[in-house]
Amino acid sequence: GKRGESGGGCVQAGGSLRLSCAASGRSFSTYGMAWFRQAPGKEREGVAAISWTANTAYADSVKGRFTISRDNAKNTVYLQMNSLKPEDTAVYYCAVDAQVVPILNGAGYRYWGQGTQVTVSS
């Protein structure tokens, strides 16, 4: 199966973007899904995760600003990003695996998308 992210782009600080990741090849309705990001020169970090029962987890840096959701019928996970800051600039990746609880550790995911660039200007 493939994972295809969309929705990235350039936005000014304070703006919003909505990322989508549609998975194909099989149903991921009972899988955990997550978003990660990696900025130039920095390690990859977990941003938000959602279990198949819709429990969620967020990095402290995005709590209150980002919201992860999923549509199992469409095999899609979303990341609504509000009040964006320049430090949110990164390539954002979706990830999927058979997780029971939402986790933000990349080692827990085998299936990854290609990434979409998000750039926030000040």
PDB file of N, CA and C in Angstrom:
ATOM      1  N   GLY A   1       0.822  -1.203   0.000  1.00  0.00           N
ATOM      2  CA  GLY A   1       0.000   0.000   0.000  1.00  0.00           C
ATOM      3  C   GLY A   1       0.854   1.250   0.000  1.00  0.00           C
ATOM      4  N   LYS A   2       0.250   2.317  -0.412  1.00  0.00           N
ATOM      5  CA  LYS A   2       0.965   3.583  -0.464  1.00  0.00           C
ATOM      6  C   LYS A   2       0.300   4.579   0.461  1.00  0.00           C
ATOM      7  N   ARG A   3       1.081   5.537   0.970  1.00  0.00           N
ATOM      8  CA  ARG A   3       0.585   6.631   1.764  1.00  0.00           C
ATOM      9  C   ARG A   3       0.931   7.905   1.036  1.00  0.00           C
ATOM     10  N   GLY A   4      -0.069   8.747   0.764  1.00  0.00           N
ATOM     11  CA  GLY A   4       0.159   9.974   0.032  1.00  0.00           C
ATOM     12  C   GLY A   4      -0.290  11.165   0.832  1.00  0.00           C
ATOM     13  N   GLU A   5       0.687  12.025   1.235  1.00  0.00           N
ATOM     14  CA  GLU A   5       0.349  13.232   1.961  1.00  0.00           C
ATOM     15  C   GLU A   5       0.004  14.347   0.985  1.00  0.00           C
ATOM     16  N   SER A   6      -0.840  15.264   1.445  1.00  0.00           N
ATOM     17  CA  SER A   6      -1.160  16.461   0.677  1.00  0.00           C
ATOM     18  C   SER A   6      -1.530  17.550   1.657  1.00  0.00           C
ATOM     19  N   GLY A   7      -1.565  18.784   1.170  1.00  0.00           N
ATOM     20  CA  GLY A   7      -1.990  19.899   1.994  1.00  0.00           C
ATOM     21  C   GLY A   7      -0.869  20.788   2.492  1.00  0.00           C
ATOM     22  N   GLY A   8       0.369  20.423   2.240  1.00  0.00           N
ATOM     23  CA  GLY A   8       1.462  21.276   2.659  1.00  0.00           C
ATOM     24  C   GLY A   8       1.521  22.535   1.825  1.00  0.00           C
ATOM     25  N   GLY A   9       2.373  23.461   2.251  1.00  0.00           N
ATOM     26  CA  GLY A   9       2.523  24.694   1.508  1.00  0.00           C
ATOM     27  C   GLY A   9       3.180  25.753   2.344  1.00  0.00           C
ATOM     28  N   CYS A  10       3.056  27.002   1.893  1.00  0.00           N
ATOM     29  CA  CYS A  10       3.636  28.149   2.575  1.00  0.00           C
ATOM     30  C   CYS A  10       2.522  28.977   3.200  1.00  0.00           C
ATOM     31  N   VAL A  11       2.752  29.427   4.414  1.00  0.00           N
ATOM     32  CA  VAL A  11       1.751  30.221   5.112  1.00  0.00           C
ATOM     33  C   VAL A  11       2.463  31.178   6.051  1.00  0.00           C
ATOM     34  N   GLN A  12       1.837  32.286   6.342  1.00  0.00           N
ATOM     35  CA  GLN A  12       2.406  33.227   7.297  1.00  0.00           C
ATOM     36  C   GLN A  12       2.127  32.775   8.724  1.00  0.00           C
ATOM     37  N   ALA A  13       2.964  33.227   9.636  1.00  0.00           N
ATOM     38  CA  ALA A  13       2.764  32.903  11.044  1.00  0.00           C
ATOM     39  C   ALA A  13       1.354  33.307  11.479  1.00  0.00           C
ATOM     40  N   GLY A  14       0.731  32.427  12.246  1.00  0.00           N
ATOM     41  CA  GLY A  14      -0.633  32.661  12.668  1.00  0.00           C
ATOM     42  C   GLY A  14      -1.672  32.026  11.767  1.00  0.00           C
ATOM     43  N   GLY A  15      -1.230  31.570  10.605  1.00  0.00           N
ATOM     44  CA  GLY A  15      -2.137  30.959   9.648  1.00  0.00           C
ATOM     45  C   GLY A  15      -2.413  29.496   9.940  1.00  0.00           C
ATOM     46  N   SER A  16      -3.160  28.864   9.038  1.00  0.00           N
ATOM     47  CA  SER A  16      -3.580  27.472   9.205  1.00  0.00           C
ATOM     48  C   SER A  16      -3.336  26.666   7.943  1.00  0.00           C
ATOM     49  N   LEU A  17      -3.117  25.389   8.140  1.00  0.00           N
ATOM     50  CA  LEU A  17      -3.036  24.420   7.054  1.00  0.00           C
ATOM     51  C   LEU A  17      -3.673  23.120   7.522  1.00  0.00           C
ATOM     52  N   ARG A  18      -4.167  22.351   6.573  1.00  0.00           N
ATOM     53  CA  ARG A  18      -4.710  21.040   6.889  1.00  0.00           C
ATOM     54  C   ARG A  18      -4.008  20.002   6.034  1.00  0.00           C
ATOM     55  N   LEU A  19      -3.334  19.097   6.660  1.00  0.00           N
ATOM     56  CA  LEU A  19      -2.655  18.015   5.958  1.00  0.00           C
ATOM     57  C   LEU A  19      -3.564  16.794   5.888  1.00  0.00           C
ATOM     58  N   SER A  20      -3.451  16.063   4.791  1.00  0.00           N
ATOM     59  CA  SER A  20      -4.182  14.814   4.624  1.00  0.00           C
ATOM     60  C   SER A  20      -3.218  13.721   4.209  1.00  0.00           C
ATOM     61  N   CYS A  21      -3.514  12.517   4.629  1.00  0.00           N
ATOM     62  CA  CYS A  21      -2.714  11.369   4.217  1.00  0.00           C
ATOM     63  C   CYS A  21      -3.669  10.226   3.932  1.00  0.00           C
ATOM     64  N   ALA A  22      -3.761   9.847   2.667  1.00  0.00           N
ATOM     65  CA  ALA A  22      -4.636   8.764   2.250  1.00  0.00           C
ATOM     66  C   ALA A  22      -3.808   7.508   2.027  1.00  0.00           C
ATOM     67  N   ALA A  23      -4.167   6.449   2.719  1.00  0.00           N
ATOM     68  CA  ALA A  23      -3.468   5.181   2.572  1.00  0.00           C
ATOM     69  C   ALA A  23      -4.241   4.275   1.626  1.00  0.00           C
ATOM     70  N   SER A  24      -3.501   3.544   0.812  1.00  0.00           N
ATOM     71  CA  SER A  24      -4.154   2.643  -0.135  1.00  0.00           C
ATOM     72  C   SER A  24      -3.574   1.247  -0.005  1.00  0.00           C
ATOM     73  N   GLY A  25      -4.233   0.297  -0.583  1.00  0.00           N
ATOM     74  CA  GLY A  25      -3.715  -1.066  -0.601  1.00  0.00           C
ATOM     75  C   GLY A  25      -4.395  -1.991   0.374  1.00  0.00           C
ATOM     76  N   ARG A  26      -4.901  -1.462   1.467  1.00  0.00           N
ATOM     77  CA  ARG A  26      -5.611  -2.276   2.441  1.00  0.00           C
ATOM     78  C   ARG A  26      -6.340  -1.336   3.374  1.00  0.00           C
ATOM     79  N   SER A  27      -7.200  -1.882   4.224  1.00  0.00           N
ATOM     80  CA  SER A  27      -7.888  -1.066   5.212  1.00  0.00           C
ATOM     81  C   SER A  27      -7.003  -0.870   6.439  1.00  0.00           C
ATOM     82  N   PHE A  28      -6.901   0.379   6.898  1.00  0.00           N
ATOM     83  CA  PHE A  28      -6.135   0.678   8.099  1.00  0.00           C
ATOM     84  C   PHE A  28      -7.047   1.096   9.248  1.00  0.00           C
ATOM     85  N   SER A  29      -8.302   0.669   9.182  1.00  0.00           N
ATOM     86  CA  SER A  29      -9.269   1.105  10.188  1.00  0.00           C
ATOM     87  C   SER A  29      -8.912   0.633  11.597  1.00  0.00           C
ATOM     88  N   THR A  30      -8.167  -0.434  11.734  1.00  0.00           N
ATOM     89  CA  THR A  30      -7.774  -0.912  13.063  1.00  0.00           C
ATOM     90  C   THR A  30      -6.299  -0.647  13.341  1.00  0.00           C
ATOM     91  N   TYR A  31      -5.707   0.269  12.596  1.00  0.00           N
ATOM     92  CA  TYR A  31      -4.314   0.632  12.780  1.00  0.00           C
ATOM     93  C   TYR A  31      -4.194   2.010  13.420  1.00  0.00           C
ATOM     94  N   GLY A  32      -3.085   2.237  14.092  1.00  0.00           N
ATOM     95  CA  GLY A  32      -2.774   3.565  14.577  1.00  0.00           C
ATOM     96  C   GLY A  32      -2.164   4.393  13.458  1.00  0.00           C
ATOM     97  N   MET A  33      -2.406   5.680  13.493  1.00  0.00           N
ATOM     98  CA  MET A  33      -1.896   6.582  12.475  1.00  0.00           C
ATOM     99  C   MET A  33      -1.280   7.788  13.173  1.00  0.00           C
ATOM    100  N   ALA A  34      -0.278   8.384  12.551  1.00  0.00           N
ATOM    101  CA  ALA A  34       0.425   9.472  13.219  1.00  0.00           C
ATOM    102  C   ALA A  34       1.047  10.414  12.211  1.00  0.00           C
ATOM    103  N   TRP A  35       1.411  11.587  12.712  1.00  0.00           N
ATOM    104  CA  TRP A  35       2.151  12.561  11.936  1.00  0.00           C
ATOM    105  C   TRP A  35       3.477  12.828  12.631  1.00  0.00           C
ATOM    106  N   PHE A  36       4.528  12.879  11.839  1.00  0.00           N
ATOM    107  CA  PHE A  36       5.862  13.229  12.302  1.00  0.00           C
ATOM    108  C   PHE A  36       6.363  14.398  11.460  1.00  0.00           C
ATOM    109  N   ARG A  37       7.405  15.038  11.935  1.00  0.00           N
ATOM    110  CA  ARG A  37       7.997  16.111  11.142  1.00  0.00           C
ATOM    111  C   ARG A  37       9.516  16.127  11.344  1.00  0.00           C
ATOM    112  N   GLN A  38      10.186  16.643  10.345  1.00  0.00           N
ATOM    113  CA  GLN A  38      11.634  16.770  10.431  1.00  0.00           C
ATOM    114  C   GLN A  38      12.056  18.071   9.780  1.00  0.00           C
ATOM    115  N   ALA A  39      12.679  18.916  10.578  1.00  0.00           N
ATOM    116  CA  ALA A  39      13.209  20.180  10.087  1.00  0.00           C
ATOM    117  C   ALA A  39      14.674  19.996   9.707  1.00  0.00           C
ATOM    118  N   PRO A  40      15.201  20.838   8.820  1.00  0.00           N
ATOM    119  CA  PRO A  40      16.604  20.713   8.414  1.00  0.00           C
ATOM    120  C   PRO A  40      17.542  20.740   9.612  1.00  0.00           C
ATOM    121  N   GLY A  41      18.430  19.760   9.673  1.00  0.00           N
ATOM    122  CA  GLY A  41      19.411  19.706  10.745  1.00  0.00           C
ATOM    123  C   GLY A  41      18.888  19.218  12.076  1.00  0.00           C
ATOM    124  N   LYS A  42      17.617  18.794  12.104  1.00  0.00           N
ATOM    125  CA  LYS A  42      17.021  18.332  13.355  1.00  0.00           C
ATOM    126  C   LYS A  42      16.546  16.894  13.213  1.00  0.00           C
ATOM    127  N   GLU A  43      16.376  16.247  14.354  1.00  0.00           N
ATOM    128  CA  GLU A  43      15.866  14.891  14.343  1.00  0.00           C
ATOM    129  C   GLU A  43      14.365  14.892  14.071  1.00  0.00           C
ATOM    130  N   ARG A  44      13.894  13.776  13.552  1.00  0.00           N
ATOM    131  CA  ARG A  44      12.469  13.600  13.355  1.00  0.00           C
ATOM    132  C   ARG A  44      11.765  13.579  14.703  1.00  0.00           C
ATOM    133  N   GLU A  45      10.606  14.231  14.767  1.00  0.00           N
ATOM    134  CA  GLU A  45       9.856  14.240  16.013  1.00  0.00           C
ATOM    135  C   GLU A  45       8.394  13.893  15.760  1.00  0.00           C
ATOM    136  N   GLY A  46       7.810  13.219  16.723  1.00  0.00           N
ATOM    137  CA  GLY A  46       6.392  12.909  16.651  1.00  0.00           C
ATOM    138  C   GLY A  46       5.572  14.139  16.955  1.00  0.00           C
ATOM    139  N   VAL A  47       4.550  14.373  16.161  1.00  0.00           N
ATOM    140  CA  VAL A  47       3.701  15.552  16.312  1.00  0.00           C
ATOM    141  C   VAL A  47       2.361  15.173  16.936  1.00  0.00           C
ATOM    142  N   ALA A  48       1.702  14.193  16.348  1.00  0.00           N
ATOM    143  CA  ALA A  48       0.385  13.778  16.825  1.00  0.00           C
ATOM    144  C   ALA A  48       0.130  12.346  16.387  1.00  0.00           C
ATOM    145  N   ALA A  49      -0.625  11.625  17.198  1.00  0.00           N
ATOM    146  CA  ALA A  49      -0.961  10.242  16.876  1.00  0.00           C
ATOM    147  C   ALA A  49      -2.399   9.964  17.272  1.00  0.00           C
ATOM    148  N   ILE A  50      -3.017   9.013  16.559  1.00  0.00           N
ATOM    149  CA  ILE A  50      -4.400   8.647  16.847  1.00  0.00           C
ATOM    150  C   ILE A  50      -4.542   7.140  16.720  1.00  0.00           C
ATOM    151  N   SER A  51      -5.136   6.519  17.730  1.00  0.00           N
ATOM    152  CA  SER A  51      -5.338   5.081  17.687  1.00  0.00           C
ATOM    153  C   SER A  51      -6.585   4.759  16.860  1.00  0.00           C
ATOM    154  N   TRP A  52      -6.786   3.468  16.636  1.00  0.00           N
ATOM    155  CA  TRP A  52      -7.957   3.104  15.839  1.00  0.00           C
ATOM    156  C   TRP A  52      -9.249   3.364  16.605  1.00  0.00           C
ATOM    157  N   THR A  53      -9.149   3.529  17.934  1.00  0.00           N
ATOM    158  CA  THR A  53     -10.320   3.880  18.743  1.00  0.00           C
ATOM    159  C   THR A  53     -10.425   5.388  18.944  1.00  0.00           C
ATOM    160  N   ALA A  54      -9.604   6.145  18.198  1.00  0.00           N
ATOM    161  CA  ALA A  54      -9.634   7.612  18.204  1.00  0.00           C
ATOM    162  C   ALA A  54      -9.070   8.249  19.463  1.00  0.00           C
ATOM    163  N   ASN A  55      -8.294   7.507  20.245  1.00  0.00           N
ATOM    164  CA  ASN A  55      -7.522   8.150  21.308  1.00  0.00           C
ATOM    165  C   ASN A  55      -6.360   8.886  20.662  1.00  0.00           C
ATOM    166  N   THR A  56      -6.004  10.029  21.246  1.00  0.00           N
ATOM    167  CA  THR A  56      -4.981  10.862  20.618  1.00  0.00           C
ATOM    168  C   THR A  56      -3.835  11.186  21.569  1.00  0.00           C
ATOM    169  N   ALA A  57      -2.713  11.562  20.979  1.00  0.00           N
ATOM    170  CA  ALA A  57      -1.550  12.023  21.731  1.00  0.00           C
ATOM    171  C   ALA A  57      -0.891  13.133  20.926  1.00  0.00           C
ATOM    172  N   TYR A  58      -0.368  14.132  21.619  1.00  0.00           N
ATOM    173  CA  TYR A  58       0.247  15.277  20.954  1.00  0.00           C
ATOM    174  C   TYR A  58       1.582  15.617  21.598  1.00  0.00           C
ATOM    175  N   ALA A  59       2.487  16.131  20.775  1.00  0.00           N
ATOM    176  CA  ALA A  59       3.705  16.705  21.319  1.00  0.00           C
ATOM    177  C   ALA A  59       3.340  17.985  22.064  1.00  0.00           C
ATOM    178  N   ASP A  60       4.079  18.280  23.127  1.00  0.00           N
ATOM    179  CA  ASP A  60       3.779  19.480  23.917  1.00  0.00           C
ATOM    180  C   ASP A  60       3.829  20.744  23.066  1.00  0.00           C
ATOM    181  N   SER A  61       4.700  20.752  22.076  1.00  0.00           N
ATOM    182  CA  SER A  61       4.905  21.955  21.263  1.00  0.00           C
ATOM    183  C   SER A  61       3.700  22.287  20.379  1.00  0.00           C
ATOM    184  N   VAL A  62       2.796  21.333  20.194  1.00  0.00           N
ATOM    185  CA  VAL A  62       1.652  21.589  19.299  1.00  0.00           C
ATOM    186  C   VAL A  62       0.307  21.481  20.009  1.00  0.00           C
ATOM    187  N   LYS A  63       0.307  21.120  21.274  1.00  0.00           N
ATOM    188  CA  LYS A  63      -0.955  20.988  22.007  1.00  0.00           C
ATOM    189  C   LYS A  63      -1.728  22.295  21.978  1.00  0.00           C
ATOM    190  N   GLY A  64      -3.009  22.182  21.702  1.00  0.00           N
ATOM    191  CA  GLY A  64      -3.857  23.364  21.648  1.00  0.00           C
ATOM    192  C   GLY A  64      -3.853  24.061  20.304  1.00  0.00           C
ATOM    193  N   ARG A  65      -2.929  23.675  19.418  1.00  0.00           N
ATOM    194  CA  ARG A  65      -2.856  24.295  18.090  1.00  0.00           C
ATOM    195  C   ARG A  65      -3.152  23.295  16.977  1.00  0.00           C
ATOM    196  N   PHE A  66      -2.729  22.060  17.147  1.00  0.00           N
ATOM    197  CA  PHE A  66      -2.910  21.028  16.122  1.00  0.00           C
ATOM    198  C   PHE A  66      -3.963  20.029  16.574  1.00  0.00           C
ATOM    199  N   THR A  67      -4.699  19.483  15.593  1.00  0.00           N
ATOM    200  CA  THR A  67      -5.692  18.451  15.870  1.00  0.00           C
ATOM    201  C   THR A  67      -5.561  17.335  14.853  1.00  0.00           C
ATOM    202  N   ILE A  68      -5.406  16.117  15.341  1.00  0.00           N
ATOM    203  CA  ILE A  68      -5.348  14.952  14.463  1.00  0.00           C
ATOM    204  C   ILE A  68      -6.715  14.284  14.449  1.00  0.00           C
ATOM    205  N   SER A  69      -7.110  13.807  13.280  1.00  0.00           N
ATOM    206  CA  SER A  69      -8.379  13.094  13.151  1.00  0.00           C
ATOM    207  C   SER A  69      -8.237  12.063  12.045  1.00  0.00           C
ATOM    208  N   ARG A  70      -9.222  11.195  11.938  1.00  0.00           N
ATOM    209  CA  ARG A  70      -9.162  10.164  10.911  1.00  0.00           C
ATOM    210  C   ARG A  70     -10.538   9.863  10.376  1.00  0.00           C
ATOM    211  N   ASP A  71     -10.567   9.401   9.137  1.00  0.00           N
ATOM    212  CA  ASP A  71     -11.795   8.959   8.483  1.00  0.00           C
ATOM    213  C   ASP A  71     -11.524   7.548   7.995  1.00  0.00           C
ATOM    214  N   ASN A  72     -11.990   6.567   8.736  1.00  0.00           N
ATOM    215  CA  ASN A  72     -11.688   5.172   8.389  1.00  0.00           C
ATOM    216  C   ASN A  72     -12.303   4.758   7.067  1.00  0.00           C
ATOM    217  N   ALA A  73     -13.444   5.320   6.732  1.00  0.00           N
ATOM    218  CA  ALA A  73     -14.078   4.974   5.465  1.00  0.00           C
ATOM    219  C   ALA A  73     -13.218   5.392   4.278  1.00  0.00           C
ATOM    220  N   LYS A  74     -12.446   6.456   4.489  1.00  0.00           N
ATOM    221  CA  LYS A  74     -11.569   6.957   3.420  1.00  0.00           C
ATOM    222  C   LYS A  74     -10.120   6.542   3.628  1.00  0.00           C
ATOM    223  N   ASN A  75      -9.848   5.776   4.696  1.00  0.00           N
ATOM    224  CA  ASN A  75      -8.471   5.356   4.984  1.00  0.00           C
ATOM    225  C   ASN A  75      -7.539   6.559   5.065  1.00  0.00           C
ATOM    226  N   THR A  76      -8.020   7.634   5.676  1.00  0.00           N
ATOM    227  CA  THR A  76      -7.306   8.906   5.659  1.00  0.00           C
ATOM    228  C   THR A  76      -7.132   9.455   7.068  1.00  0.00           C
ATOM    229  N   VAL A  77      -5.954  10.041   7.307  1.00  0.00           N
ATOM    230  CA  VAL A  77      -5.692  10.738   8.551  1.00  0.00           C
ATOM    231  C   VAL A  77      -5.419  12.205   8.223  1.00  0.00           C
ATOM    232  N   TYR A  78      -5.880  13.097   9.077  1.00  0.00           N
ATOM    233  CA  TYR A  78      -5.750  14.525   8.861  1.00  0.00           C
ATOM    234  C   TYR A  78      -4.957  15.160  10.006  1.00  0.00           C
ATOM    235  N   LEU A  79      -4.353  16.308   9.703  1.00  0.00           N
ATOM    236  CA  LEU A  79      -3.722  17.122  10.733  1.00  0.00           C
ATOM    237  C   LEU A  79      -4.112  18.569  10.478  1.00  0.00           C
ATOM    238  N   GLN A  80      -4.984  19.077  11.314  1.00  0.00           N
ATOM    239  CA  GLN A  80      -5.376  20.482  11.240  1.00  0.00           C
ATOM    240  C   GLN A  80      -4.389  21.272  12.062  1.00  0.00           C
ATOM    241  N   MET A  81      -3.713  22.216  11.423  1.00  0.00           N
ATOM    242  CA  MET A  81      -2.683  23.006  12.090  1.00  0.00           C
ATOM    243  C   MET A  81      -3.109  24.467  12.116  1.00  0.00           C
ATOM    244  N   ASN A  82      -3.319  24.986  13.297  1.00  0.00           N
ATOM    245  CA  ASN A  82      -3.714  26.380  13.483  1.00  0.00           C
ATOM    246  C   ASN A  82      -2.626  27.140  14.226  1.00  0.00           C
ATOM    247  N   SER A  83      -2.705  28.447  14.176  1.00  0.00           N
ATOM    248  CA  SER A  83      -1.737  29.310  14.875  1.00  0.00           C
ATOM    249  C   SER A  83      -0.307  28.867  14.577  1.00  0.00           C
ATOM    250  N   LEU A  84      -0.024  28.666  13.324  1.00  0.00           N
ATOM    251  CA  LEU A  84       1.285  28.160  12.927  1.00  0.00           C
ATOM    252  C   LEU A  84       2.393  29.147  13.270  1.00  0.00           C
ATOM    253  N   LYS A  85       3.547  28.588  13.615  1.00  0.00           N
ATOM    254  CA  LYS A  85       4.723  29.373  13.983  1.00  0.00           C
ATOM    255  C   LYS A  85       5.873  29.022  13.032  1.00  0.00           C
ATOM    256  N   PRO A  86       6.826  29.919  12.882  1.00  0.00           N
ATOM    257  CA  PRO A  86       7.980  29.599  12.027  1.00  0.00           C
ATOM    258  C   PRO A  86       8.678  28.307  12.438  1.00  0.00           C
ATOM    259  N   GLU A  87       8.676  27.995  13.722  1.00  0.00           N
ATOM    260  CA  GLU A  87       9.337  26.767  14.178  1.00  0.00           C
ATOM    261  C   GLU A  87       8.563  25.503  13.803  1.00  0.00           C
ATOM    262  N   ASP A  88       7.390  25.650  13.233  1.00  0.00           N
ATOM    263  CA  ASP A  88       6.656  24.498  12.718  1.00  0.00           C
ATOM    264  C   ASP A  88       7.123  24.113  11.320  1.00  0.00           C
ATOM    265  N   THR A  89       7.973  24.917  10.729  1.00  0.00           N
ATOM    266  CA  THR A  89       8.489  24.636   9.394  1.00  0.00           C
ATOM    267  C   THR A  89       9.244  23.311   9.384  1.00  0.00           C
ATOM    268  N   ALA A  90       8.842  22.407   8.500  1.00  0.00           N
ATOM    269  CA  ALA A  90       9.441  21.083   8.437  1.00  0.00           C
ATOM    270  C   ALA A  90       8.789  20.302   7.299  1.00  0.00           C
ATOM    271  N   VAL A  91       9.352  19.138   7.012  1.00  0.00           N
ATOM    272  CA  VAL A  91       8.670  18.167   6.171  1.00  0.00           C
ATOM    273  C   VAL A  91       7.837  17.291   7.092  1.00  0.00           C
ATOM    274  N   TYR A  92       6.573  17.160   6.773  1.00  0.00           N
ATOM    275  CA  TYR A  92       5.650  16.395   7.605  1.00  0.00           C
ATOM    276  C   TYR A  92       5.364  15.052   6.934  1.00  0.00           C
ATOM    277  N   TYR A  93       5.434  13.991   7.747  1.00  0.00           N
ATOM    278  CA  TYR A  93       5.229  12.637   7.260  1.00  0.00           C
ATOM    279  C   TYR A  93       4.073  11.980   8.014  1.00  0.00           C
ATOM    280  N   CYS A  94       3.280  11.209   7.304  1.00  0.00           N
ATOM    281  CA  CYS A  94       2.305  10.372   7.998  1.00  0.00           C
ATOM    282  C   CYS A  94       2.890   8.970   8.158  1.00  0.00           C
ATOM    283  N   ALA A  95       2.435   8.274   9.176  1.00  0.00           N
ATOM    284  CA  ALA A  95       2.913   6.928   9.459  1.00  0.00           C
ATOM    285  C   ALA A  95       1.748   6.087   9.956  1.00  0.00           C
ATOM    286  N   VAL A  96       1.827   4.796   9.656  1.00  0.00           N
ATOM    287  CA  VAL A  96       0.747   3.876   9.998  1.00  0.00           C
ATOM    288  C   VAL A  96       1.342   2.570  10.497  1.00  0.00           C
ATOM    289  N   ASP A  97       0.725   1.998  11.528  1.00  0.00           N
ATOM    290  CA  ASP A  97       1.095   0.645  11.950  1.00  0.00           C
ATOM    291  C   ASP A  97       0.072   0.141  12.942  1.00  0.00           C
ATOM    292  N   ALA A  98       0.221  -1.137  13.272  1.00  0.00           N
ATOM    293  CA  ALA A  98      -0.765  -1.794  14.122  1.00  0.00           C
ATOM    294  C   ALA A  98      -0.543  -1.446  15.587  1.00  0.00           C
ATOM    295  N   GLN A  99      -0.788  -0.201  15.934  1.00  0.00           N
ATOM    296  CA  GLN A  99      -0.632   0.264  17.307  1.00  0.00           C
ATOM    297  C   GLN A  99      -1.975   0.267  18.014  1.00  0.00           C
ATOM    298  N   VAL A 100      -1.966  -0.172  19.260  1.00  0.00           N
ATOM    299  CA  VAL A 100      -3.197  -0.186  20.044  1.00  0.00           C
ATOM    300  C   VAL A 100      -3.444   1.177  20.684  1.00  0.00           C
ATOM    301  N   VAL A 101      -2.367   1.829  21.110  1.00  0.00           N
ATOM    302  CA  VAL A 101      -2.470   3.148  21.720  1.00  0.00           C
ATOM    303  C   VAL A 101      -1.724   4.149  20.847  1.00  0.00           C
ATOM    304  N   PRO A 102      -2.066   5.421  20.931  1.00  0.00           N
ATOM    305  CA  PRO A 102      -1.370   6.415  20.110  1.00  0.00           C
ATOM    306  C   PRO A 102       0.039   6.660  20.640  1.00  0.00           C
ATOM    307  N   ILE A 103       1.041   6.465  19.792  1.00  0.00           N
ATOM    308  CA  ILE A 103       2.423   6.665  20.218  1.00  0.00           C
ATOM    309  C   ILE A 103       3.128   7.626  19.280  1.00  0.00           C
ATOM    310  N   LEU A 104       4.080   8.355  19.818  1.00  0.00           N
ATOM    311  CA  LEU A 104       4.800   9.367  19.059  1.00  0.00           C
ATOM    312  C   LEU A 104       6.243   8.970  18.791  1.00  0.00           C
ATOM    313  N   ASN A 105       6.534   7.700  18.956  1.00  0.00           N
ATOM    314  CA  ASN A 105       7.876   7.184  18.676  1.00  0.00           C
ATOM    315  C   ASN A 105       7.892   6.596  17.276  1.00  0.00           C
ATOM    316  N   GLY A 106       8.744   7.129  16.434  1.00  0.00           N
ATOM    317  CA  GLY A 106       8.791   6.677  15.044  1.00  0.00           C
ATOM    318  C   GLY A 106       9.160   5.217  14.883  1.00  0.00           C
ATOM    319  N   ALA A 107       9.859   4.671  15.871  1.00  0.00           N
ATOM    320  CA  ALA A 107      10.251   3.266  15.790  1.00  0.00           C
ATOM    321  C   ALA A 107       9.050   2.332  15.807  1.00  0.00           C
ATOM    322  N   GLY A 108       7.914   2.846  16.202  1.00  0.00           N
ATOM    323  CA  GLY A 108       6.726   2.019  16.270  1.00  0.00           C
ATOM    324  C   GLY A 108       5.945   1.928  14.975  1.00  0.00           C
ATOM    325  N   TYR A 109       6.454   2.530  13.913  1.00  0.00           N
ATOM    326  CA  TYR A 109       5.721   2.568  12.650  1.00  0.00           C
ATOM    327  C   TYR A 109       6.572   2.002  11.525  1.00  0.00           C
ATOM    328  N   ARG A 110       5.970   1.120  10.749  1.00  0.00           N
ATOM    329  CA  ARG A 110       6.665   0.538   9.606  1.00  0.00           C
ATOM    330  C   ARG A 110       6.308   1.204   8.276  1.00  0.00           C
ATOM    331  N   TYR A 111       5.148   1.807   8.204  1.00  0.00           N
ATOM    332  CA  TYR A 111       4.662   2.327   6.927  1.00  0.00           C
ATOM    333  C   TYR A 111       4.652   3.846   6.962  1.00  0.00           C
ATOM    334  N   TRP A 112       5.346   4.447   6.014  1.00  0.00           N
ATOM    335  CA  TRP A 112       5.542   5.892   5.990  1.00  0.00           C
ATOM    336  C   TRP A 112       5.164   6.485   4.643  1.00  0.00           C
ATOM    337  N   GLY A 113       4.693   7.734   4.685  1.00  0.00           N
ATOM    338  CA  GLY A 113       4.450   8.464   3.453  1.00  0.00           C
ATOM    339  C   GLY A 113       5.723   9.146   2.977  1.00  0.00           C
ATOM    340  N   GLN A 114       5.613   9.832   1.848  1.00  0.00           N
ATOM    341  CA  GLN A 114       6.779  10.482   1.239  1.00  0.00           C
ATOM    342  C   GLN A 114       7.081  11.846   1.826  1.00  0.00           C
ATOM    343  N   GLY A 115       6.131  12.438   2.510  1.00  0.00           N
ATOM    344  CA  GLY A 115       6.357  13.732   3.135  1.00  0.00           C
ATOM    345  C   GLY A 115       5.796  14.885   2.337  1.00  0.00           C
ATOM    346  N   THR A 116       5.416  15.939   3.049  1.00  0.00           N
ATOM    347  CA  THR A 116       4.948  17.165   2.420  1.00  0.00           C
ATOM    348  C   THR A 116       5.555  18.346   3.179  1.00  0.00           C
ATOM    349  N   GLN A 117       6.013  19.339   2.425  1.00  0.00           N
ATOM    350  CA  GLN A 117       6.710  20.472   3.033  1.00  0.00           C
ATOM    351  C   GLN A 117       5.711  21.488   3.579  1.00  0.00           C
ATOM    352  N   VAL A 118       5.978  21.925   4.807  1.00  0.00           N
ATOM    353  CA  VAL A 118       5.227  23.021   5.423  1.00  0.00           C
ATOM    354  C   VAL A 118       6.237  24.117   5.763  1.00  0.00           C
ATOM    355  N   THR A 119       5.982  25.308   5.257  1.00  0.00           N
ATOM    356  CA  THR A 119       6.865  26.442   5.512  1.00  0.00           C
ATOM    357  C   THR A 119       6.048  27.580   6.102  1.00  0.00           C
ATOM    358  N   VAL A 120       6.470  28.050   7.264  1.00  0.00           N
ATOM    359  CA  VAL A 120       5.770  29.136   7.946  1.00  0.00           C
ATOM    360  C   VAL A 120       6.714  30.328   8.021  1.00  0.00           C
ATOM    361  N   SER A 121       6.302  31.421   7.435  1.00  0.00           N
ATOM    362  CA  SER A 121       7.130  32.616   7.427  1.00  0.00           C
ATOM    363  C   SER A 121       6.692  33.578   8.530  1.00  0.00           C
ATOM    364  N   SER A 122       7.662  34.326   9.027  1.00  0.00           N
ATOM    365  CA  SER A 122       7.367  35.253  10.132  1.00  0.00           C
ATOM    366  C   SER A 122       6.928  36.609   9.603  1.00  0.00           C
TER     367      SER A 122
END
